[in-house]
PDB file of N, CA and C in Angstrom:
ATOM      1  N   MET A   1     171.407  93.268 155.422  1.00  0.00           N
ATOM      2  CA  MET A   1     171.582  91.766 155.575  1.00  0.00           C
ATOM      3  C   MET A   1     172.799  91.100 156.175  1.00  0.00           C
ATOM      4  N   GLU A   2     172.389  90.783 157.463  1.00  0.00           N
ATOM      5  CA  GLU A   2     173.348  90.254 158.096  1.00  0.00           C
ATOM      6  C   GLU A   2     174.245  89.108 157.218  1.00  0.00           C
ATOM      7  N   THR A   3     175.645  89.364 157.576  1.00  0.00           N
ATOM      8  CA  THR A   3     176.702  88.140 156.662  1.00  0.00           C
ATOM      9  C   THR A   3     177.800  87.842 157.275  1.00  0.00           C
ATOM     10  N   LEU A   4     178.088  86.843 157.403  1.00  0.00           N
ATOM     11  CA  LEU A   4     179.548  86.329 158.225  1.00  0.00           C
ATOM     12  C   LEU A   4     179.907  85.366 157.284  1.00  0.00           C
ATOM     13  N   LEU A   5     180.862  86.103 156.691  1.00  0.00           N
ATOM     14  CA  LEU A   5     182.351  85.353 156.169  1.00  0.00           C
ATOM     15  C   LEU A   5     183.228  84.514 156.790  1.00  0.00           C
ATOM     16  N   ILE A   6     183.573  83.350 156.389  1.00  0.00           N
ATOM     17  CA  ILE A   6     184.710  82.295 157.148  1.00  0.00           C
ATOM     18  C   ILE A   6     185.612  82.085 156.296  1.00  0.00           C
ATOM     19  N   GLY A   7     186.774  82.177 156.911  1.00  0.00           N
ATOM     20  CA  GLY A   7     188.165  82.170 156.510  1.00  0.00           C
ATOM     21  C   GLY A   7     188.651  80.583 156.738  1.00  0.00           C
ATOM     22  N   ILE A   8     188.626  80.090 156.096  1.00  0.00           N
ATOM     23  CA  ILE A   8     189.605  78.130 156.929  1.00  0.00           C
ATOM     24  C   ILE A   8     191.509  78.462 156.566  1.00  0.00           C
ATOM     25  N   ASN A   9     192.071  79.349 157.147  1.00  0.00           N
ATOM     26  CA  ASN A   9     193.470  79.492 157.074  1.00  0.00           C
ATOM     27  C   ASN A   9     194.197  78.278 157.029  1.00  0.00           C
ATOM     28  N   SER A  10     195.304  77.729 156.801  1.00  0.00           N
ATOM     29  CA  SER A  10     196.458  77.296 156.583  1.00  0.00           C
ATOM     30  C   SER A  10     197.225  77.483 157.952  1.00  0.00           C
ATOM     31  N   LYS A  11     197.426  78.816 158.432  1.00  0.00           N
ATOM     32  CA  LYS A  11     197.926  79.049 159.703  1.00  0.00           C
ATOM     33  C   LYS A  11     197.307  79.785 160.004  1.00  0.00           C
ATOM     34  N   PHE A  12     197.281  80.223 161.452  1.00  0.00           N
ATOM     35  CA  PHE A  12     196.684  81.222 162.791  1.00  0.00           C
ATOM     36  C   PHE A  12     197.063  82.713 162.117  1.00  0.00           C
ATOM     37  N   ILE A  13     198.834  82.587 161.274  1.00  0.00           N
ATOM     38  CA  ILE A  13     199.412  83.565 161.157  1.00  0.00           C
ATOM     39  C   ILE A  13     199.230  84.399 159.869  1.00  0.00           C
ATOM     40  N   HIS A  14     198.195  83.390 159.247  1.00  0.00           N
ATOM     41  CA  HIS A  14     197.868  83.277 157.759  1.00  0.00           C
ATOM     42  C   HIS A  14     196.655  83.782 157.654  1.00  0.00           C
ATOM     43  N   PRO A  15     196.323  85.073 157.692  1.00  0.00           N
ATOM     44  CA  PRO A  15     194.610  85.811 157.283  1.00  0.00           C
ATOM     45  C   PRO A  15     194.065  85.818 156.101  1.00  0.00           C
ATOM     46  N   ASN A  16     192.895  85.868 155.930  1.00  0.00           N
ATOM     47  CA  ASN A  16     192.078  85.530 154.729  1.00  0.00           C
ATOM     48  C   ASN A  16     191.966  87.292 154.115  1.00  0.00           C
ATOM     49  N   LEU A  17     192.610  87.517 153.258  1.00  0.00           N
ATOM     50  CA  LEU A  17     192.461  88.732 152.674  1.00  0.00           C
ATOM     51  C   LEU A  17     191.290  88.320 152.063  1.00  0.00           C
ATOM     52  N   ALA A  18     191.051  87.663 151.370  1.00  0.00           N
ATOM     53  CA  ALA A  18     189.976  87.377 150.630  1.00  0.00           C
ATOM     54  C   ALA A  18     188.033  87.848 151.445  1.00  0.00           C
ATOM     55  N   ILE A  19     188.104  87.677 152.032  1.00  0.00           N
ATOM     56  CA  ILE A  19     186.738  88.004 153.328  1.00  0.00           C
ATOM     57  C   ILE A  19     187.179  89.833 153.312  1.00  0.00           C
ATOM     58  N   ARG A  20     188.524  89.642 153.574  1.00  0.00           N
ATOM     59  CA  ARG A  20     188.616  91.236 154.813  1.00  0.00           C
ATOM     60  C   ARG A  20     188.275  92.097 153.549  1.00  0.00           C
ATOM     61  N   LEU A  21     189.008  92.044 151.841  1.00  0.00           N
ATOM     62  CA  LEU A  21     188.046  92.436 150.686  1.00  0.00           C
ATOM     63  C   LEU A  21     186.540  93.000 150.760  1.00  0.00           C
ATOM     64  N   LEU A  22     186.107  91.651 150.569  1.00  0.00           N
ATOM     65  CA  LEU A  22     184.800  91.607 150.498  1.00  0.00           C
ATOM     66  C   LEU A  22     184.001  92.875 151.969  1.00  0.00           C
ATOM     67  N   LYS A  23     184.506  92.997 152.794  1.00  0.00           N
ATOM     68  CA  LYS A  23     183.757  93.159 153.852  1.00  0.00           C
ATOM     69  C   LYS A  23     183.757  95.321 153.810  1.00  0.00           C
ATOM     70  N   GLN A  24     185.317  95.444 153.295  1.00  0.00           N
ATOM     71  CA  GLN A  24     185.896  96.657 153.187  1.00  0.00           C
ATOM     72  C   GLN A  24     184.695  97.017 151.754  1.00  0.00           C
ATOM     73  N   ASN A  25     185.107  96.436 150.999  1.00  0.00           N
ATOM     74  CA  ASN A  25     184.355  96.863 150.062  1.00  0.00           C
ATOM     75  C   ASN A  25     182.850  97.049 150.018  1.00  0.00           C
ATOM     76  N   SER A  26     181.559  96.101 150.999  1.00  0.00           N
ATOM     77  CA  SER A  26     180.957  95.961 151.103  1.00  0.00           C
ATOM     78  C   SER A  26     179.790  97.351 151.937  1.00  0.00           C
ATOM     79  N   PRO A  27     178.806  97.858 151.126  1.00  0.00           N
ATOM     80  CA  PRO A  27     177.878  98.533 152.323  1.00  0.00           C
ATOM     81  C   PRO A  27     177.087  97.647 152.631  1.00  0.00           C
ATOM     82  N   HIS A  28     176.992  96.267 152.902  1.00  0.00           N
ATOM     83  CA  HIS A  28     176.281  95.429 153.636  1.00  0.00           C
ATOM     84  C   HIS A  28     176.857  95.459 155.358  1.00  0.00           C
ATOM     85  N   GLU A  29     176.054  94.729 156.172  1.00  0.00           N
ATOM     86  CA  GLU A  29     176.389  94.035 157.376  1.00  0.00           C
ATOM     87  C   GLU A  29     177.287  92.867 156.922  1.00  0.00           C
ATOM     88  N   ILE A  30     178.249  92.796 157.026  1.00  0.00           N
ATOM     89  CA  ILE A  30     179.494  91.691 157.510  1.00  0.00           C
ATOM     90  C   ILE A  30     180.438  91.536 158.694  1.00  0.00           C
ATOM     91  N   PHE A  31     180.317  90.468 158.913  1.00  0.00           N
ATOM     92  CA  PHE A  31     181.305  90.027 160.337  1.00  0.00           C
ATOM     93  C   PHE A  31     181.735  88.642 159.829  1.00  0.00           C
ATOM     94  N   LEU A  32     183.105  88.756 160.217  1.00  0.00           N
ATOM     95  CA  LEU A  32     184.394  87.639 159.754  1.00  0.00           C
ATOM     96  C   LEU A  32     184.773  86.512 160.904  1.00  0.00           C
ATOM     97  N   LYS A  33     184.880  85.799 159.957  1.00  0.00           N
ATOM     98  CA  LYS A  33     185.432  84.488 161.364  1.00  0.00           C
ATOM     99  C   LYS A  33     186.544  83.981 160.550  1.00  0.00           C
ATOM    100  N   GLU A  34     187.588  83.632 161.350  1.00  0.00           N
ATOM    101  CA  GLU A  34     188.535  82.949 160.940  1.00  0.00           C
ATOM    102  C   GLU A  34     189.113  81.900 161.761  1.00  0.00           C
ATOM    103  N   PHE A  35     189.275  80.731 161.455  1.00  0.00           N
ATOM    104  CA  PHE A  35     190.149  79.346 161.456  1.00  0.00           C
ATOM    105  C   PHE A  35     191.135  78.947 160.832  1.00  0.00           C
ATOM    106  N   THR A  36     191.863  77.900 161.478  1.00  0.00           N
ATOM    107  CA  THR A  36     192.482  77.518 160.557  1.00  0.00           C
ATOM    108  C   THR A  36     192.396  75.970 160.536  1.00  0.00           C
ATOM    109  N   ILE A  37     193.080  74.997 159.570  1.00  0.00           N
ATOM    110  CA  ILE A  37     192.699  73.533 159.457  1.00  0.00           C
ATOM    111  C   ILE A  37     193.095  73.114 160.360  1.00  0.00           C
ATOM    112  N   LYS A  38     193.847  73.180 161.524  1.00  0.00           N
ATOM    113  CA  LYS A  38     194.429  72.808 162.609  1.00  0.00           C
ATOM    114  C   LYS A  38     192.734  72.408 163.700  1.00  0.00           C
ATOM    115  N   ASP A  39     191.977  73.571 162.927  1.00  0.00           N
ATOM    116  CA  ASP A  39     190.991  73.460 164.256  1.00  0.00           C
ATOM    117  C   ASP A  39     190.108  72.195 163.924  1.00  0.00           C
ATOM    118  N   ASN A  40     189.145  72.107 165.283  1.00  0.00           N
ATOM    119  CA  ASN A  40     188.272  70.588 165.323  1.00  0.00           C
ATOM    120  C   ASN A  40     187.470  71.157 164.356  1.00  0.00           C
ATOM    121  N   PRO A  41     186.944  70.151 163.157  1.00  0.00           N
ATOM    122  CA  PRO A  41     185.513  70.915 162.193  1.00  0.00           C
ATOM    123  C   PRO A  41     184.733  70.438 162.669  1.00  0.00           C
ATOM    124  N   GLU A  42     184.163  69.574 163.565  1.00  0.00           N
ATOM    125  CA  GLU A  42     182.819  69.865 164.438  1.00  0.00           C
ATOM    126  C   GLU A  42     183.080  71.620 165.535  1.00  0.00           C
ATOM    127  N   GLU A  43     183.802  71.863 165.663  1.00  0.00           N
ATOM    128  CA  GLU A  43     183.657  73.188 166.821  1.00  0.00           C
ATOM    129  C   GLU A  43     183.244  74.417 165.587  1.00  0.00           C
ATOM    130  N   ILE A  44     183.841  73.966 164.201  1.00  0.00           N
ATOM    131  CA  ILE A  44     183.430  75.057 163.231  1.00  0.00           C
ATOM    132  C   ILE A  44     182.428  74.989 163.117  1.00  0.00           C
ATOM    133  N   ILE A  45     181.575  73.412 162.762  1.00  0.00           N
ATOM    134  CA  ILE A  45     180.346  73.098 162.977  1.00  0.00           C
ATOM    135  C   ILE A  45     179.332  73.732 163.722  1.00  0.00           C
ATOM    136  N   LYS A  46     179.849  73.675 164.753  1.00  0.00           N
ATOM    137  CA  LYS A  46     178.606  74.176 166.013  1.00  0.00           C
ATOM    138  C   LYS A  46     178.642  75.786 166.170  1.00  0.00           C
ATOM    139  N   PHE A  47     179.694  76.169 165.612  1.00  0.00           N
ATOM    140  CA  PHE A  47     180.570  77.530 165.564  1.00  0.00           C
ATOM    141  C   PHE A  47     179.252  78.660 164.575  1.00  0.00           C
ATOM    142  N   ILE A  48     179.042  77.887 163.385  1.00  0.00           N
ATOM    143  CA  ILE A  48     178.390  77.932 162.421  1.00  0.00           C
ATOM    144  C   ILE A  48     176.652  78.104 162.364  1.00  0.00           C
ATOM    145  N   ASN A  49     176.360  76.259 162.975  1.00  0.00           N
ATOM    146  CA  ASN A  49     175.141  76.491 163.350  1.00  0.00           C
ATOM    147  C   ASN A  49     174.311  77.008 164.423  1.00  0.00           C
ATOM    148  N   GLU A  50     174.991  77.414 165.332  1.00  0.00           N
ATOM    149  CA  GLU A  50     174.695  78.446 166.507  1.00  0.00           C
ATOM    150  C   GLU A  50     175.064  79.767 166.751  1.00  0.00           C
ATOM    151  N   ASN A  51     175.655  80.402 165.167  1.00  0.00           N
ATOM    152  CA  ASN A  51     175.551  81.634 164.994  1.00  0.00           C
ATOM    153  C   ASN A  51     174.089  81.684 164.584  1.00  0.00           C
ATOM    154  N   PRO A  52     173.499  83.157 164.999  1.00  0.00           N
ATOM    155  CA  PRO A  52     172.429  83.284 164.917  1.00  0.00           C
ATOM    156  C   PRO A  52     171.904  83.689 162.947  1.00  0.00           C
ATOM    157  N   ILE A  53     173.456  84.499 162.346  1.00  0.00           N
ATOM    158  CA  ILE A  53     173.591  84.823 161.397  1.00  0.00           C
ATOM    159  C   ILE A  53     172.716  84.094 160.387  1.00  0.00           C
ATOM    160  N   LYS A  54     172.123  83.666 159.054  1.00  0.00           N
ATOM    161  CA  LYS A  54     171.248  82.975 158.073  1.00  0.00           C
ATOM    162  C   LYS A  54     172.155  82.811 156.858  1.00  0.00           C
ATOM    163  N   VAL A  55     173.281  84.135 156.498  1.00  0.00           N
ATOM    164  CA  VAL A  55     173.359  83.860 155.195  1.00  0.00           C
ATOM    165  C   VAL A  55     175.254  83.953 155.178  1.00  0.00           C
ATOM    166  N   ILE A  56     176.016  82.510 155.617  1.00  0.00           N
ATOM    167  CA  ILE A  56     177.586  82.088 155.141  1.00  0.00           C
ATOM    168  C   ILE A  56     178.414  82.786 153.968  1.00  0.00           C
ATOM    169  N   GLY A  57     179.154  82.803 154.241  1.00  0.00           N
ATOM    170  CA  GLY A  57     180.211  83.051 152.741  1.00  0.00           C
ATOM    171  C   GLY A  57     181.374  82.163 153.466  1.00  0.00           C
ATOM    172  N   ILE A  58     182.019  81.827 152.350  1.00  0.00           N
ATOM    173  CA  ILE A  58     183.265  80.581 152.893  1.00  0.00           C
ATOM    174  C   ILE A  58     183.693  80.573 151.589  1.00  0.00           C
ATOM    175  N   SER A  59     185.152  81.040 152.272  1.00  0.00           N
ATOM    176  CA  SER A  59     186.707  81.295 151.269  1.00  0.00           C
ATOM    177  C   SER A  59     187.176  79.931 150.818  1.00  0.00           C
ATOM    178  N   VAL A  60     187.139  79.161 150.046  1.00  0.00           N
ATOM    179  CA  VAL A  60     188.000  77.972 149.221  1.00  0.00           C
ATOM    180  C   VAL A  60     188.992  78.377 148.784  1.00  0.00           C
ATOM    181  N   TYR A  61     190.005  76.995 149.142  1.00  0.00           N
ATOM    182  CA  TYR A  61     191.506  77.308 148.577  1.00  0.00           C
ATOM    183  C   TYR A  61     191.901  75.594 148.424  1.00  0.00           C
ATOM    184  N   ILE A  62     192.847  75.695 148.162  1.00  0.00           N
ATOM    185  CA  ILE A  62     194.034  73.988 147.796  1.00  0.00           C
ATOM    186  C   ILE A  62     193.904  73.717 149.159  1.00  0.00           C
ATOM    187  N   TRP A  63     193.914  74.269 150.193  1.00  0.00           N
ATOM    188  CA  TRP A  63     194.423  74.362 151.718  1.00  0.00           C
ATOM    189  C   TRP A  63     193.239  73.936 152.680  1.00  0.00           C
ATOM    190  N   ASN A  64     192.135  73.840 152.476  1.00  0.00           N
ATOM    191  CA  ASN A  64     191.034  74.125 152.829  1.00  0.00           C
ATOM    192  C   ASN A  64     189.672  73.175 152.435  1.00  0.00           C
ATOM    193  N   VAL A  65     190.040  73.004 151.136  1.00  0.00           N
ATOM    194  CA  VAL A  65     189.048  72.495 150.314  1.00  0.00           C
ATOM    195  C   VAL A  65     188.696  71.085 150.983  1.00  0.00           C
ATOM    196  N   GLU A  66     188.896  70.364 151.381  1.00  0.00           N
ATOM    197  CA  GLU A  66     188.212  68.702 152.344  1.00  0.00           C
ATOM    198  C   GLU A  66     188.009  69.295 153.407  1.00  0.00           C
ATOM    199  N   MET A  67     188.309  70.173 153.902  1.00  0.00           N
ATOM    200  CA  MET A  67     187.488  70.148 155.329  1.00  0.00           C
ATOM    201  C   MET A  67     186.305  71.103 155.184  1.00  0.00           C
ATOM    202  N   ILE A  68     186.032  71.802 153.992  1.00  0.00           N
ATOM    203  CA  ILE A  68     184.765  72.395 153.342  1.00  0.00           C
ATOM    204  C   ILE A  68     184.329  71.669 153.152  1.00  0.00           C
ATOM    205  N   LYS A  69     184.734  70.754 152.657  1.00  0.00           N
ATOM    206  CA  LYS A  69     183.494  69.699 151.794  1.00  0.00           C
ATOM    207  C   LYS A  69     182.991  68.966 152.812  1.00  0.00           C
ATOM    208  N   TYR A  70     183.682  68.570 153.926  1.00  0.00           N
ATOM    209  CA  TYR A  70     183.251  68.212 155.439  1.00  0.00           C
ATOM    210  C   TYR A  70     182.245  68.598 155.921  1.00  0.00           C
ATOM    211  N   ILE A  71     182.909  69.721 156.063  1.00  0.00           N
ATOM    212  CA  ILE A  71     181.334  70.512 156.817  1.00  0.00           C
ATOM    213  C   ILE A  71     180.286  71.192 156.184  1.00  0.00           C
ATOM    214  N   LEU A  72     180.554  71.414 155.049  1.00  0.00           N
ATOM    215  CA  LEU A  72     179.185  71.751 154.519  1.00  0.00           C
ATOM    216  C   LEU A  72     177.776  71.116 154.379  1.00  0.00           C
ATOM    217  N   PRO A  73     177.913  69.945 154.316  1.00  0.00           N
ATOM    218  CA  PRO A  73     176.721  68.792 154.247  1.00  0.00           C
ATOM    219  C   PRO A  73     176.192  68.581 156.181  1.00  0.00           C
ATOM    220  N   LYS A  74     176.827  69.708 156.908  1.00  0.00           N
ATOM    221  CA  LYS A  74     176.676  69.430 157.959  1.00  0.00           C
ATOM    222  C   LYS A  74     176.137  70.673 158.516  1.00  0.00           C
ATOM    223  N   ILE A  75     176.347  72.176 157.690  1.00  0.00           N
ATOM    224  CA  ILE A  75     175.605  72.989 157.814  1.00  0.00           C
ATOM    225  C   ILE A  75     173.922  73.122 157.606  1.00  0.00           C
ATOM    226  N   LYS A  76     173.163  74.215 158.959  1.00  0.00           N
ATOM    227  CA  LYS A  76     171.924  73.923 158.890  1.00  0.00           C
ATOM    228  C   LYS A  76     171.226  75.157 158.605  1.00  0.00           C
ATOM    229  N   ASN A  77     170.670  75.422 158.043  1.00  0.00           N
ATOM    230  CA  ASN A  77     169.491  76.454 158.027  1.00  0.00           C
ATOM    231  C   ASN A  77     170.089  77.764 157.562  1.00  0.00           C
ATOM    232  N   LYS A  78     171.245  77.824 156.775  1.00  0.00           N
ATOM    233  CA  LYS A  78     171.820  78.481 156.364  1.00  0.00           C
ATOM    234  C   LYS A  78     171.827  79.054 154.900  1.00  0.00           C
ATOM    235  N   THR A  79     172.186  80.064 154.542  1.00  0.00           N
ATOM    236  CA  THR A  79     172.499  80.125 152.664  1.00  0.00           C
ATOM    237  C   THR A  79     173.606  80.366 152.714  1.00  0.00           C
ATOM    238  N   ILE A  80     173.877  79.138 152.283  1.00  0.00           N
ATOM    239  CA  ILE A  80     175.586  79.243 151.899  1.00  0.00           C
ATOM    240  C   ILE A  80     176.342  79.823 150.731  1.00  0.00           C
ATOM    241  N   ILE A  81     177.441  80.562 150.437  1.00  0.00           N
ATOM    242  CA  ILE A  81     177.629  81.288 149.550  1.00  0.00           C
ATOM    243  C   ILE A  81     179.424  81.068 149.024  1.00  0.00           C
ATOM    244  N   LEU A  82     180.146  80.058 148.270  1.00  0.00           N
ATOM    245  CA  LEU A  82     180.974  79.853 147.975  1.00  0.00           C
ATOM    246  C   LEU A  82     181.590  80.871 147.069  1.00  0.00           C
ATOM    247  N   GLY A  83     182.760  81.257 147.929  1.00  0.00           N
ATOM    248  CA  GLY A  83     184.102  81.634 146.658  1.00  0.00           C
ATOM    249  C   GLY A  83     185.470  81.424 146.945  1.00  0.00           C
ATOM    250  N   GLY A  84     186.650  81.783 146.295  1.00  0.00           N
ATOM    251  CA  GLY A  84     187.631  81.834 145.856  1.00  0.00           C
ATOM    252  C   GLY A  84     188.191  80.666 144.476  1.00  0.00           C
ATOM    253  N   PRO A  85     189.488  80.361 144.491  1.00  0.00           N
ATOM    254  CA  PRO A  85     189.958  79.953 143.104  1.00  0.00           C
ATOM    255  C   PRO A  85     189.486  78.466 143.377  1.00  0.00           C
ATOM    256  N   GLU A  86     189.452  77.364 144.385  1.00  0.00           N
ATOM    257  CA  GLU A  86     189.197  76.061 143.936  1.00  0.00           C
ATOM    258  C   GLU A  86     187.164  75.947 144.068  1.00  0.00           C
ATOM    259  N   VAL A  87     186.550  76.751 143.809  1.00  0.00           N
ATOM    260  CA  VAL A  87     185.272  76.870 143.535  1.00  0.00           C
ATOM    261  C   VAL A  87     185.044  77.341 142.361  1.00  0.00           C
ATOM    262  N   SER A  88     186.077  78.409 141.858  1.00  0.00           N
ATOM    263  CA  SER A  88     186.066  79.253 140.543  1.00  0.00           C
ATOM    264  C   SER A  88     186.219  78.649 139.109  1.00  0.00           C
ATOM    265  N   TYR A  89     186.828  77.352 139.246  1.00  0.00           N
ATOM    266  CA  TYR A  89     187.317  76.566 137.914  1.00  0.00           C
ATOM    267  C   TYR A  89     186.594  75.078 137.756  1.00  0.00           C
ATOM    268  N   ASP A  90     185.964  74.957 138.854  1.00  0.00           N
ATOM    269  CA  ASP A  90     185.098  73.391 138.319  1.00  0.00           C
ATOM    270  C   ASP A  90     184.299  73.486 139.490  1.00  0.00           C
ATOM    271  N   SER A  91     183.022  74.608 139.659  1.00  0.00           N
ATOM    272  CA  SER A  91     181.817  74.638 140.474  1.00  0.00           C
ATOM    273  C   SER A  91     180.532  73.737 140.673  1.00  0.00           C
ATOM    274  N   ASN A  92     180.451  73.190 139.813  1.00  0.00           N
ATOM    275  CA  ASN A  92     179.584  72.670 139.209  1.00  0.00           C
ATOM    276  C   ASN A  92     179.104  71.641 140.973  1.00  0.00           C
ATOM    277  N   HIS A  93     180.074  70.623 141.127  1.00  0.00           N
ATOM    278  CA  HIS A  93     179.301  69.646 142.038  1.00  0.00           C
ATOM    279  C   HIS A  93     179.966  70.080 143.111  1.00  0.00           C
ATOM    280  N   TYR A  94     180.331  71.708 143.606  1.00  0.00           N
ATOM    281  CA  TYR A  94     179.749  72.042 145.117  1.00  0.00           C
ATOM    282  C   TYR A  94     178.270  71.510 145.263  1.00  0.00           C
ATOM    283  N   PHE A  95     177.287  71.933 144.634  1.00  0.00           N
ATOM    284  CA  PHE A  95     175.991  72.439 144.863  1.00  0.00           C
ATOM    285  C   PHE A  95     175.757  70.503 145.537  1.00  0.00           C
ATOM    286  N   GLU A  96     176.266  69.888 145.273  1.00  0.00           N
ATOM    287  CA  GLU A  96     176.181  68.410 145.977  1.00  0.00           C
ATOM    288  C   GLU A  96     176.012  68.465 147.285  1.00  0.00           C
ATOM    289  N   TYR A  97     176.973  69.333 148.024  1.00  0.00           N
ATOM    290  CA  TYR A  97     176.720  69.467 148.935  1.00  0.00           C
ATOM    291  C   TYR A  97     176.165  70.887 149.556  1.00  0.00           C
ATOM    292  N   GLY A  98     175.429  71.169 149.174  1.00  0.00           N
ATOM    293  CA  GLY A  98     174.135  71.929 150.149  1.00  0.00           C
ATOM    294  C   GLY A  98     174.944  73.394 149.361  1.00  0.00           C
ATOM    295  N   VAL A  99     175.599  73.605 149.161  1.00  0.00           N
ATOM    296  CA  VAL A  99     175.402  74.732 148.637  1.00  0.00           C
ATOM    297  C   VAL A  99     174.475  75.852 147.672  1.00  0.00           C
ATOM    298  N   ASP A 100     174.180  77.426 147.758  1.00  0.00           N
ATOM    299  CA  ASP A 100     173.188  77.435 146.891  1.00  0.00           C
ATOM    300  C   ASP A 100     173.944  78.910 146.195  1.00  0.00           C
ATOM    301  N   PHE A 101     174.967  79.389 146.353  1.00  0.00           N
ATOM    302  CA  PHE A 101     175.484  79.697 145.189  1.00  0.00           C
ATOM    303  C   PHE A 101     177.006  80.037 145.421  1.00  0.00           C
ATOM    304  N   ILE A 102     177.746  80.322 144.367  1.00  0.00           N
ATOM    305  CA  ILE A 102     178.768  80.265 144.099  1.00  0.00           C
ATOM    306  C   ILE A 102     179.216  81.148 143.454  1.00  0.00           C
ATOM    307  N   ILE A 103     180.740  81.573 144.022  1.00  0.00           N
ATOM    308  CA  ILE A 103     181.187  83.408 143.289  1.00  0.00           C
ATOM    309  C   ILE A 103     182.493  82.986 142.504  1.00  0.00           C
ATOM    310  N   LYS A 104     182.336  83.249 141.103  1.00  0.00           N
ATOM    311  CA  LYS A 104     183.787  82.720 140.679  1.00  0.00           C
ATOM    312  C   LYS A 104     184.530  84.151 140.425  1.00  0.00           C
ATOM    313  N   GLY A 105     185.810  83.870 140.296  1.00  0.00           N
ATOM    314  CA  GLY A 105     186.456  84.908 139.758  1.00  0.00           C
ATOM    315  C   GLY A 105     186.529  85.658 140.870  1.00  0.00           C
ATOM    316  N   GLU A 106     186.999  87.443 140.711  1.00  0.00           N
ATOM    317  CA  GLU A 106     187.119  88.437 141.188  1.00  0.00           C
ATOM    318  C   GLU A 106     185.232  88.439 142.328  1.00  0.00           C
ATOM    319  N   GLY A 107     185.259  88.837 143.484  1.00  0.00           N
ATOM    320  CA  GLY A 107     183.977  88.592 143.566  1.00  0.00           C
ATOM    321  C   GLY A 107     183.378  89.662 144.355  1.00  0.00           C
ATOM    322  N   GLU A 108     184.320  91.044 144.577  1.00  0.00           N
ATOM    323  CA  GLU A 108     183.698  91.997 145.018  1.00  0.00           C
ATOM    324  C   GLU A 108     182.352  92.550 144.343  1.00  0.00           C
ATOM    325  N   GLU A 109     182.637  92.897 143.360  1.00  0.00           N
ATOM    326  CA  GLU A 109     181.114  93.437 142.211  1.00  0.00           C
ATOM    327  C   GLU A 109     179.948  92.519 142.620  1.00  0.00           C
ATOM    328  N   SER A 110     179.996  91.035 142.180  1.00  0.00           N
ATOM    329  CA  SER A 110     179.565  90.304 142.327  1.00  0.00           C
ATOM    330  C   SER A 110     178.594  89.576 143.470  1.00  0.00           C
ATOM    331  N   PHE A 111     179.486  89.546 144.823  1.00  0.00           N
ATOM    332  CA  PHE A 111     179.063  89.570 145.856  1.00  0.00           C
ATOM    333  C   PHE A 111     177.961  90.565 146.700  1.00  0.00           C
ATOM    334  N   ASN A 112     178.495  91.762 146.275  1.00  0.00           N
ATOM    335  CA  ASN A 112     177.541  93.262 146.493  1.00  0.00           C
ATOM    336  C   ASN A 112     175.789  92.975 145.949  1.00  0.00           C
ATOM    337  N   LYS A 113     176.391  92.210 144.356  1.00  0.00           N
ATOM    338  CA  LYS A 113     175.142  92.333 143.787  1.00  0.00           C
ATOM    339  C   LYS A 113     174.375  91.214 144.122  1.00  0.00           C
ATOM    340  N   LEU A 114     175.137  90.035 144.761  1.00  0.00           N
ATOM    341  CA  LEU A 114     174.680  89.295 145.157  1.00  0.00           C
ATOM    342  C   LEU A 114     173.767  89.339 146.521  1.00  0.00           C
ATOM    343  N   MET A 115     174.275  89.868 147.246  1.00  0.00           N
ATOM    344  CA  MET A 115     173.674  90.498 148.642  1.00  0.00           C
ATOM    345  C   MET A 115     172.423  91.508 148.265  1.00  0.00           C
ATOM    346  N   SER A 116     172.482  92.346 147.612  1.00  0.00           N
ATOM    347  CA  SER A 116     171.559  93.218 147.444  1.00  0.00           C
ATOM    348  C   SER A 116     170.160  92.339 146.689  1.00  0.00           C
ATOM    349  N   CYS A 117     170.568  91.421 146.444  1.00  0.00           N
ATOM    350  CA  CYS A 117     169.696  90.779 145.809  1.00  0.00           C
ATOM    351  C   CYS A 117     168.668  89.792 146.896  1.00  0.00           C
ATOM    352  N   LEU A 118     169.517  89.504 148.051  1.00  0.00           N
ATOM    353  CA  LEU A 118     168.612  88.681 148.846  1.00  0.00           C
ATOM    354  C   LEU A 118     168.456  89.465 150.014  1.00  0.00           C
ATOM    355  N   ASP A 119     168.903  91.009 149.878  1.00  0.00           N
ATOM    356  CA  ASP A 119     168.403  91.306 150.914  1.00  0.00           C
ATOM    357  C   ASP A 119     167.313  92.115 150.973  1.00  0.00           C
ATOM    358  N   ASN A 120     166.799  92.770 149.367  1.00  0.00           N
ATOM    359  CA  ASN A 120     165.747  92.995 149.237  1.00  0.00           C
ATOM    360  C   ASN A 120     164.497  92.066 148.198  1.00  0.00           C
ATOM    361  N   SER A 121     165.300  90.281 148.608  1.00  0.00           N
ATOM    362  CA  SER A 121     163.718  89.402 148.290  1.00  0.00           C
ATOM    363  C   SER A 121     163.887  89.737 146.400  1.00  0.00           C
ATOM    364  N   THR A 122     164.854  89.966 145.591  1.00  0.00           N
ATOM    365  CA  THR A 122     164.509  90.312 144.502  1.00  0.00           C
ATOM    366  C   THR A 122     165.744  89.182 143.142  1.00  0.00           C
ATOM    367  N   ASP A 123     165.154  88.927 142.154  1.00  0.00           N
ATOM    368  CA  ASP A 123     165.681  88.591 140.949  1.00  0.00           C
ATOM    369  C   ASP A 123     167.088  88.178 141.234  1.00  0.00           C
ATOM    370  N   TYR A 124     167.763  86.899 141.556  1.00  0.00           N
ATOM    371  CA  TYR A 124     169.291  87.227 141.272  1.00  0.00           C
ATOM    372  C   TYR A 124     169.678  86.624 140.313  1.00  0.00           C
ATOM    373  N   SER A 125     169.272  86.034 139.418  1.00  0.00           N
ATOM    374  CA  SER A 125     169.281  85.327 138.041  1.00  0.00           C
ATOM    375  C   SER A 125     170.613  86.300 137.399  1.00  0.00           C
ATOM    376  N   LYS A 126     169.901  87.381 137.526  1.00  0.00           N
ATOM    377  CA  LYS A 126     171.168  88.049 136.439  1.00  0.00           C
ATOM    378  C   LYS A 126     172.433  88.196 136.643  1.00  0.00           C
ATOM    379  N   VAL A 127     172.559  88.446 138.357  1.00  0.00           N
ATOM    380  CA  VAL A 127     173.941  88.581 139.067  1.00  0.00           C
ATOM    381  C   VAL A 127     175.358  87.856 137.818  1.00  0.00           C
ATOM    382  N   GLU A 128     176.190  88.446 137.598  1.00  0.00           N
ATOM    383  CA  GLU A 128     177.228  87.833 136.827  1.00  0.00           C
ATOM    384  C   GLU A 128     178.365  86.553 138.140  1.00  0.00           C
TER     385      GLU A 128
END
């Protein structure tokens, strides 16, 4: 199952290491796309909605949380997975933005288990 992991960084020179680690440690087909908080949110939304990949993962940090809250309700016909420090400690209200899954804490194992369940259309309720 193809998955697009998105990082919205504070600056162009600050790459998102979390999405790179998830890709590196995953047997699934993962693509990466990075933006910065200076990018036009409408262009980010357009990129996501026009991308044929149906599973989108977004890394949420203190510097991008407000932009992501703006973007989330505008994402159409995608399975949305959030991870990162800003969703790890206070996650429930993010479901109001149309999020399907939240991965708390270190995500390498949980992410891969969730992706396997989604890929095989199996029960994901036991994924930690």
